[in-house]
Amino acid sequence: MVGRFFGKDIMTKPLCPFCGMGVERPEEVSFSDMPLGSCTCGAVYACDVTGHNLGSAMIEALVHACTGDWDCAWDLTPDQDYLDKQLKNYDFETHHIIHAGVYEGRRVSGVLYFIRLNKPVEAKTPPVRSGAPVSPKPATGSPRAPRRSSLKQEVEELIRNYDLEPLLNMAAQDKRVLRDVKRLLYSADKLFRWRAAEALGKICAVIAHNDPGTISKLLQGLFTSVSDTAASSWGSVDAIGEIIGALPDHFSGFLPQVVQISRDPALLPEVLRAMGKIAEIRPDLLRRFSYPMIPLLQNPESEVRGYAAILLGRLKVFQAKEDLTKLSEDMAPIEIYRAGQIEKTTIHQLATESLANL
């Protein structure tokens, strides 16, 4: 380790990646789940102390750049409206970049996620900080909507408990629930992430009844996050599958884009899982894409073989029978998501189930 960093500063002060000036330690605030900061050049940043929640850091920084306006942040497009950069190996405790990734026996993997808007947004009254006076509740009229921080916590708890019905009722009243669920797609907890993707699909089905444009924009943003290698796409592909599966008549036009991202080997298991979800509802929409999927039953990756077996079984691709029969002897373990739970099964079991569907 010493040789690798010989001649370099092991610790350096963090500098804004846009202007090169030093930045202050981000501060913890009541209206954000992450510490936030601002540079004199106009860039803002969020601190992901673990380095595992970059999607959430991006969202928090975007909202911070928009002075707390979630609607404004939701409408922004990468490159067109803002630029983003990251400082990795950031240590919140010392407020330094630890280039070696280890400091005094601690692993340092924090990230400062920077956002700089291409055009300034109209200023808005910032969210209420803890300790600030709160105006009394009006004596008449409808009850005041809960604060966004309270709503975010409620949404998170409902998904964690797999209690989705209240979320659908909330979505029917306020489409902003979408963004609270979307941010959970970047959770490091796989089960939580898959439940969030399922919830997003169901919520979109509610909102699309009156506002399909918002869901189309959401799908476009999810595809952007997948194609942008600088951003974390955790949960995005699963969410795409859930949304199209819930609304196949509205958004089947996005299917060629789903097939296109399957060319990325790193995304292949997720894409097959998403396609399997869509095939569960409307297999007719995917049959024209099925033939190139047959060779995937011989892929060295067990997840690819398993999800390909599920997909081809749901599509009733008879030409895959020979390869599925061979997989019926494959005892490699695999985890799949069903009805809000992770099930441990084998390629053998999945191939057997798919053969029964042919």
Protein backbone atom coordinates (compact mmCIF):
# COMPACT_ATOMS: atom_id res chain seq x y z
CA MET A 1 0.00 0.00 0.00
CA VAL A 2 2.84 2.38 0.83
CA GLY A 3 4.55 1.71 -2.49
CA ARG A 4 1.38 2.35 -4.42
CA PHE A 5 0.98 5.82 -2.92
CA PHE A 6 4.64 6.74 -2.69
CA GLY A 7 5.08 10.35 -3.73
CA LYS A 8 1.39 11.13 -3.25
CA ASP A 9 -0.51 12.76 -0.40
CA ILE A 10 -2.36 10.02 1.44
CA MET A 11 -4.85 12.60 2.73
CA THR A 12 -6.02 15.69 0.88
CA LYS A 13 -8.68 18.30 1.48
CA PRO A 14 -11.74 17.85 -0.76
CA LEU A 15 -11.88 20.28 -3.67
CA CYS A 16 -14.92 21.13 -5.76
CA PRO A 17 -14.62 19.12 -9.01
CA PHE A 18 -16.19 22.02 -10.93
CA CYS A 19 -14.07 24.99 -9.78
CA GLY A 20 -11.17 23.46 -7.83
CA MET A 21 -11.86 25.45 -4.66
CA GLY A 22 -11.89 23.85 -1.22
CA VAL A 23 -15.32 22.89 0.13
CA GLU A 24 -16.60 22.89 3.70
CA ARG A 25 -17.61 19.79 5.60
CA PRO A 26 -21.25 18.93 4.68
CA GLU A 27 -23.74 19.59 7.47
CA GLU A 28 -26.49 17.36 8.74
CA VAL A 29 -29.89 19.03 8.28
CA SER A 30 -33.37 18.04 9.38
CA PHE A 31 -34.92 18.04 5.91
CA SER A 32 -32.42 15.64 4.30
CA ASP A 33 -31.34 12.08 4.95
CA MET A 34 -27.73 13.00 4.13
CA PRO A 35 -25.31 15.79 5.10
CA LEU A 36 -25.37 18.62 2.53
CA GLY A 37 -23.04 21.41 1.47
CA SER A 38 -22.57 24.19 -1.08
CA CYS A 39 -19.59 25.57 -2.98
CA THR A 40 -19.05 29.23 -3.77
CA CYS A 41 -19.25 28.40 -7.51
CA GLY A 42 -22.89 27.38 -7.14
CA ALA A 43 -22.40 23.61 -7.00
CA VAL A 44 -24.01 21.70 -4.15
CA TYR A 45 -23.16 18.30 -2.75
CA ALA A 46 -24.56 15.47 -0.66
CA CYS A 47 -22.46 13.11 1.42
CA ASP A 48 -23.03 9.36 1.15
CA VAL A 49 -20.92 8.22 4.08
CA THR A 50 -21.04 4.56 3.01
CA GLY A 51 -20.63 4.93 -0.75
CA HIS A 52 -23.45 2.42 -1.25
CA ASN A 53 -26.36 4.83 -1.73
CA LEU A 54 -25.24 6.95 -4.66
CA GLY A 55 -28.72 7.11 -6.12
CA SER A 56 -30.08 8.61 -2.92
CA ALA A 57 -27.12 11.02 -2.79
CA MET A 58 -27.88 12.18 -6.32
CA ILE A 59 -31.53 12.79 -5.43
CA GLU A 60 -30.68 14.66 -2.22
CA ALA A 61 -28.16 16.84 -4.07
CA LEU A 62 -30.66 17.60 -6.85
CA VAL A 63 -33.32 18.64 -4.36
CA HIS A 64 -30.74 20.76 -2.52
CA ALA A 65 -29.78 22.44 -5.82
CA CYS A 66 -33.44 23.24 -6.38
CA THR A 67 -33.71 24.82 -2.90
CA GLY A 68 -35.92 22.05 -1.63
CA ASP A 69 -38.32 22.03 -4.58
CA TRP A 70 -39.01 18.35 -5.30
CA ASP A 71 -41.14 19.15 -8.35
CA CYS A 72 -38.28 21.13 -9.89
CA ALA A 73 -35.74 18.37 -9.15
CA TRP A 74 -38.05 15.73 -10.63
CA ASP A 75 -38.16 17.57 -13.97
CA LEU A 76 -34.39 17.98 -14.42
CA THR A 77 -32.56 16.07 -17.14
CA PRO A 78 -28.86 15.06 -16.85
CA ASP A 79 -26.44 17.11 -18.99
CA GLN A 80 -29.27 19.24 -20.35
CA ASP A 81 -30.17 20.79 -16.97
CA TYR A 82 -27.29 19.84 -14.70
CA LEU A 83 -23.84 18.25 -14.45
CA ASP A 84 -22.80 15.78 -11.78
CA LYS A 85 -19.43 14.65 -10.44
CA GLN A 86 -18.18 12.59 -7.52
CA LEU A 87 -15.34 12.70 -5.01
CA LYS A 88 -14.67 9.18 -3.79
CA ASN A 89 -12.88 7.88 -0.68
CA TYR A 90 -14.28 10.77 1.33
CA ASP A 91 -14.02 10.49 5.12
CA PHE A 92 -16.73 12.46 6.88
CA GLU A 93 -14.97 12.23 10.25
CA THR A 94 -11.75 13.91 9.13
CA HIS A 95 -13.21 15.83 6.17
CA HIS A 96 -10.45 14.51 3.93
CA ILE A 97 -10.10 12.38 0.83
CA ILE A 98 -8.30 9.22 1.92
CA HIS A 99 -6.70 8.02 -1.30
CA ALA A 100 -5.69 4.66 0.14
CA GLY A 101 -9.30 3.94 1.15
CA VAL A 102 -8.21 3.02 4.69
CA TYR A 103 -7.47 5.29 7.63
CA GLU A 104 -6.45 4.16 11.12
CA GLY A 105 -7.88 0.73 10.49
CA ARG A 106 -11.18 2.09 9.14
CA ARG A 107 -12.37 1.46 5.61
CA VAL A 108 -13.17 4.79 3.95
CA SER A 109 -15.62 4.57 1.05
CA GLY A 110 -17.71 7.73 1.40
CA VAL A 111 -18.64 9.84 -1.61
CA LEU A 112 -19.38 13.52 -2.06
CA TYR A 113 -21.93 13.73 -4.86
CA PHE A 114 -21.80 17.12 -6.60
CA ILE A 115 -24.53 18.72 -8.72
CA ARG A 116 -24.25 22.01 -10.59
CA LEU A 117 -27.25 23.38 -12.44
CA ASN A 118 -26.70 24.76 -15.91
CA LYS A 119 -29.25 27.47 -15.18
CA PRO A 120 -30.26 28.80 -11.75
CA VAL A 121 -33.73 27.92 -10.50
CA GLU A 122 -36.15 30.35 -8.95
CA ALA A 123 -35.51 30.63 -5.23
CA LYS A 124 -37.95 28.95 -2.90
CA THR A 125 -38.49 29.14 0.84
CA PRO A 126 -36.25 26.40 2.27
CA PRO A 127 -37.73 23.48 4.22
CA VAL A 128 -38.36 23.98 7.93
CA ARG A 129 -35.33 23.05 10.03
CA SER A 130 -35.65 21.47 13.42
CA GLY A 131 -36.13 24.03 16.15
CA ALA A 132 -37.73 26.57 13.82
CA PRO A 133 -41.16 27.88 14.80
CA VAL A 134 -44.08 26.21 13.08
CA SER A 135 -47.15 28.19 12.10
CA PRO A 136 -50.29 27.12 13.93
CA LYS A 137 -52.68 24.86 12.07
CA PRO A 138 -55.56 26.77 10.47
CA ALA A 139 -58.82 26.45 12.33
CA THR A 140 -60.81 25.78 9.16
CA GLY A 141 -60.26 24.06 5.84
CA SER A 142 -58.69 20.73 4.93
CA PRO A 143 -55.96 19.32 7.19
CA ARG A 144 -52.40 20.24 6.32
CA ALA A 145 -50.47 17.65 4.33
CA PRO A 146 -47.72 15.88 6.28
CA ARG A 147 -44.18 17.22 5.94
CA ARG A 148 -42.16 15.55 3.20
CA SER A 149 -39.72 14.05 5.70
CA SER A 150 -42.60 12.39 7.57
CA LEU A 151 -44.12 11.14 4.34
CA LYS A 152 -40.80 9.69 3.16
CA GLN A 153 -40.47 7.76 6.41
CA GLU A 154 -44.04 6.47 6.15
CA VAL A 155 -43.48 5.30 2.56
CA GLU A 156 -40.25 3.56 3.55
CA GLU A 157 -41.95 1.77 6.44
CA LEU A 158 -44.86 0.59 4.29
CA ILE A 159 -42.52 -0.91 1.70
CA ARG A 160 -40.31 -2.46 4.36
CA ASN A 161 -43.40 -4.19 5.78
CA TYR A 162 -44.69 -5.02 2.28
CA ASP A 163 -47.91 -3.16 3.00
CA LEU A 164 -48.63 -1.76 -0.45
CA GLU A 165 -52.36 -0.98 -0.34
CA PRO A 166 -51.94 2.27 1.65
CA LEU A 167 -49.30 3.36 -0.90
CA LEU A 168 -51.82 3.01 -3.71
CA ASN A 169 -54.32 5.12 -1.79
CA MET A 170 -51.62 7.75 -1.24
CA ALA A 171 -50.69 7.71 -4.93
CA ALA A 172 -54.29 8.35 -5.91
CA GLN A 173 -54.12 11.60 -3.91
CA ASP A 174 -50.54 12.74 -4.52
CA LYS A 175 -48.28 11.60 -7.34
CA ARG A 176 -45.24 12.88 -5.45
CA VAL A 177 -45.24 9.49 -3.74
CA LEU A 178 -43.45 8.35 -6.92
CA ARG A 179 -40.24 10.14 -5.99
CA ASP A 180 -40.29 8.82 -2.44
CA VAL A 181 -40.50 5.27 -3.75
CA LYS A 182 -38.02 5.84 -6.57
CA ARG A 183 -35.27 6.86 -4.14
CA LEU A 184 -35.63 3.46 -2.45
CA LEU A 185 -34.57 1.68 -5.65
CA TYR A 186 -30.98 2.50 -4.65
CA SER A 187 -31.09 0.64 -1.35
CA ALA A 188 -28.26 -1.81 -0.68
CA ASP A 189 -30.85 -4.22 0.76
CA LYS A 190 -31.86 -6.48 -2.15
CA LEU A 191 -35.27 -7.46 -0.77
CA PHE A 192 -36.12 -3.86 0.07
CA ARG A 193 -35.01 -2.79 -3.41
CA TRP A 194 -37.19 -5.42 -5.12
CA ARG A 195 -40.17 -4.53 -2.99
CA ALA A 196 -39.68 -0.86 -3.91
CA ALA A 197 -39.61 -1.77 -7.62
CA GLU A 198 -42.83 -3.76 -7.29
CA ALA A 199 -44.47 -0.92 -5.36
CA LEU A 200 -43.39 1.58 -8.03
CA GLY A 201 -45.05 -0.49 -10.75
CA LYS A 202 -48.33 -0.67 -8.86
CA ILE A 203 -48.24 3.05 -8.02
CA CYS A 204 -47.59 3.92 -11.67
CA ALA A 205 -50.67 1.93 -12.67
CA VAL A 206 -52.74 4.17 -10.38
CA ILE A 207 -51.23 7.45 -11.55
CA ALA A 208 -51.15 6.61 -15.27
CA HIS A 209 -54.94 6.46 -15.32
CA ASN A 210 -55.03 10.27 -15.18
CA ASP A 211 -51.43 11.25 -15.95
CA PRO A 212 -49.62 8.82 -18.29
CA GLY A 213 -47.14 11.56 -19.22
CA THR A 214 -45.59 11.54 -15.77
CA ILE A 215 -45.03 7.78 -15.96
CA SER A 216 -43.53 8.06 -19.44
CA LYS A 217 -41.10 10.67 -18.13
CA LEU A 218 -40.27 8.39 -15.18
CA LEU A 219 -39.49 5.49 -17.51
CA GLN A 220 -37.25 7.68 -19.64
CA GLY A 221 -35.38 8.75 -16.52
CA LEU A 222 -34.92 5.15 -15.42
CA PHE A 223 -33.46 4.21 -18.81
CA THR A 224 -31.13 7.21 -18.55
CA SER A 225 -29.89 6.08 -15.14
CA VAL A 226 -29.17 2.62 -16.59
CA SER A 227 -27.24 3.94 -19.58
CA ASP A 228 -25.30 6.54 -17.55
CA THR A 229 -22.31 4.63 -16.22
CA ALA A 230 -21.58 7.44 -13.76
CA ALA A 231 -24.83 6.85 -11.91
CA SER A 232 -25.96 3.91 -9.83
CA SER A 233 -28.73 2.01 -11.62
CA TRP A 234 -29.60 -0.33 -8.74
CA GLY A 235 -33.26 -1.27 -8.98
CA SER A 236 -33.87 0.74 -12.15
CA VAL A 237 -34.15 -2.23 -14.51
CA ASP A 238 -36.44 -4.11 -12.12
CA ALA A 239 -38.60 -0.99 -11.83
CA ILE A 240 -38.78 -0.74 -15.63
CA GLY A 241 -40.04 -4.32 -15.78
CA GLU A 242 -42.61 -3.73 -13.05
CA ILE A 243 -43.95 -0.55 -14.67
CA ILE A 244 -44.25 -2.00 -18.18
CA GLY A 245 -45.69 -5.20 -16.72
CA ALA A 246 -48.32 -3.20 -14.84
CA LEU A 247 -49.15 -1.04 -17.89
CA PRO A 248 -48.30 -3.09 -21.00
CA ASP A 249 -50.90 -1.42 -23.21
CA HIS A 250 -49.50 2.02 -22.39
CA PHE A 251 -45.75 1.47 -22.43
CA SER A 252 -44.92 -1.57 -24.59
CA GLY A 253 -43.20 0.90 -26.92
CA PHE A 254 -40.28 0.89 -24.49
CA LEU A 255 -39.62 -2.84 -25.03
CA PRO A 256 -36.94 -2.37 -27.75
CA GLN A 257 -34.99 -0.26 -25.24
CA VAL A 258 -35.26 -3.08 -22.70
CA VAL A 259 -33.87 -5.55 -25.23
CA GLN A 260 -31.12 -3.11 -26.17
CA ILE A 261 -29.73 -2.86 -22.64
CA SER A 262 -29.59 -6.67 -22.47
CA ARG A 263 -26.42 -6.35 -24.58
CA ASP A 264 -24.60 -5.22 -21.44
CA PRO A 265 -23.44 -8.47 -19.76
CA ALA A 266 -23.46 -6.78 -16.35
CA LEU A 267 -27.16 -5.93 -16.72
CA LEU A 268 -28.26 -9.19 -18.33
CA PRO A 269 -29.65 -10.90 -15.20
CA GLU A 270 -31.68 -7.79 -14.33
CA VAL A 271 -32.99 -7.41 -17.88
CA LEU A 272 -34.06 -11.06 -18.04
CA ARG A 273 -35.77 -10.66 -14.68
CA ALA A 274 -37.61 -7.56 -15.96
CA MET A 275 -38.61 -9.29 -19.19
CA GLY A 276 -39.83 -12.26 -17.18
CA LYS A 277 -42.09 -9.95 -15.20
CA ILE A 278 -43.55 -8.48 -18.40
CA ALA A 279 -43.95 -11.96 -19.92
CA GLU A 280 -45.95 -13.01 -16.88
CA ILE A 281 -48.61 -10.46 -17.87
CA ARG A 282 -48.32 -10.15 -21.67
CA PRO A 283 -46.14 -12.89 -23.20
CA ASP A 284 -47.34 -11.96 -26.70
CA LEU A 285 -45.38 -8.69 -26.52
CA LEU A 286 -42.03 -10.44 -26.08
CA ARG A 287 -42.24 -13.54 -28.26
CA ARG A 288 -40.61 -11.77 -31.21
CA PHE A 289 -37.53 -11.22 -29.02
CA SER A 290 -37.37 -14.80 -27.69
CA TYR A 291 -35.14 -16.62 -30.17
CA PRO A 292 -31.85 -14.86 -29.20
CA MET A 293 -32.61 -15.73 -25.57
CA ILE A 294 -32.36 -19.50 -26.06
CA PRO A 295 -28.51 -19.64 -26.06
CA LEU A 296 -28.57 -17.91 -22.68
CA LEU A 297 -29.70 -21.22 -21.14
CA GLN A 298 -26.06 -22.31 -21.57
CA ASN A 299 -24.57 -19.14 -20.06
CA PRO A 300 -21.86 -19.75 -17.40
CA GLU A 301 -23.65 -17.38 -14.98
CA SER A 302 -26.29 -19.21 -12.95
CA GLU A 303 -28.48 -16.09 -12.65
CA VAL A 304 -28.56 -15.71 -16.42
CA ARG A 305 -29.48 -19.38 -16.92
CA GLY A 306 -32.14 -19.23 -14.26
CA TYR A 307 -33.88 -16.04 -15.37
CA ALA A 308 -33.65 -17.10 -19.02
CA ALA A 309 -35.39 -20.37 -18.06
CA ILE A 310 -38.20 -18.44 -16.35
CA LEU A 311 -38.60 -16.09 -19.32
CA LEU A 312 -38.63 -18.78 -22.02
CA GLY A 313 -41.09 -20.87 -20.01
CA ARG A 314 -43.49 -17.96 -19.68
CA LEU A 315 -43.14 -17.24 -23.38
CA LYS A 316 -43.82 -20.93 -24.16
CA VAL A 317 -40.84 -21.13 -26.52
CA PHE A 318 -40.99 -24.77 -27.60
CA GLN A 319 -37.63 -24.48 -29.38
CA ALA A 320 -35.99 -24.14 -25.94
CA LYS A 321 -37.24 -27.54 -24.75
CA GLU A 322 -33.98 -29.41 -25.40
CA ASP A 323 -31.85 -26.90 -23.50
CA LEU A 324 -34.38 -26.65 -20.67
CA THR A 325 -34.32 -30.43 -20.37
CA LYS A 326 -30.54 -30.31 -19.91
CA LEU A 327 -30.99 -27.66 -17.22
CA SER A 328 -33.29 -29.96 -15.29
CA GLU A 329 -30.10 -31.56 -14.00
CA ASP A 330 -28.54 -28.23 -13.02
CA MET A 331 -28.58 -27.95 -9.21
CA ALA A 332 -26.95 -24.49 -9.03
CA PRO A 333 -28.69 -22.34 -6.38
CA ILE A 334 -30.46 -19.10 -7.27
CA GLU A 335 -32.59 -16.53 -5.47
CA ILE A 336 -35.81 -15.25 -7.03
CA TYR A 337 -38.38 -12.69 -5.90
CA ARG A 338 -41.98 -13.76 -5.51
CA ALA A 339 -44.89 -12.13 -3.67
CA GLY A 340 -42.70 -9.79 -1.67
CA GLN A 341 -40.22 -12.45 -0.54
CA ILE A 342 -36.90 -13.86 -1.69
CA GLU A 343 -37.10 -17.59 -2.39
CA LYS A 344 -34.06 -19.83 -2.55
CA THR A 345 -34.40 -22.38 -5.31
CA THR A 346 -32.30 -24.13 -8.00
CA ILE A 347 -31.91 -23.98 -11.76
CA HIS A 348 -33.29 -27.54 -11.78
CA GLN A 349 -36.54 -26.40 -10.19
CA LEU A 350 -36.95 -23.40 -12.48
CA ALA A 351 -36.23 -25.46 -15.61
CA THR A 352 -38.71 -28.11 -14.49
CA GLU A 353 -41.42 -25.49 -13.96
CA SER A 354 -40.72 -23.93 -17.38
CA LEU A 355 -40.85 -27.31 -19.14
CA ALA A 356 -44.28 -27.87 -17.63
CA ASN A 357 -45.45 -24.62 -19.26
CA LEU A 358 -44.37 -25.57 -22.80
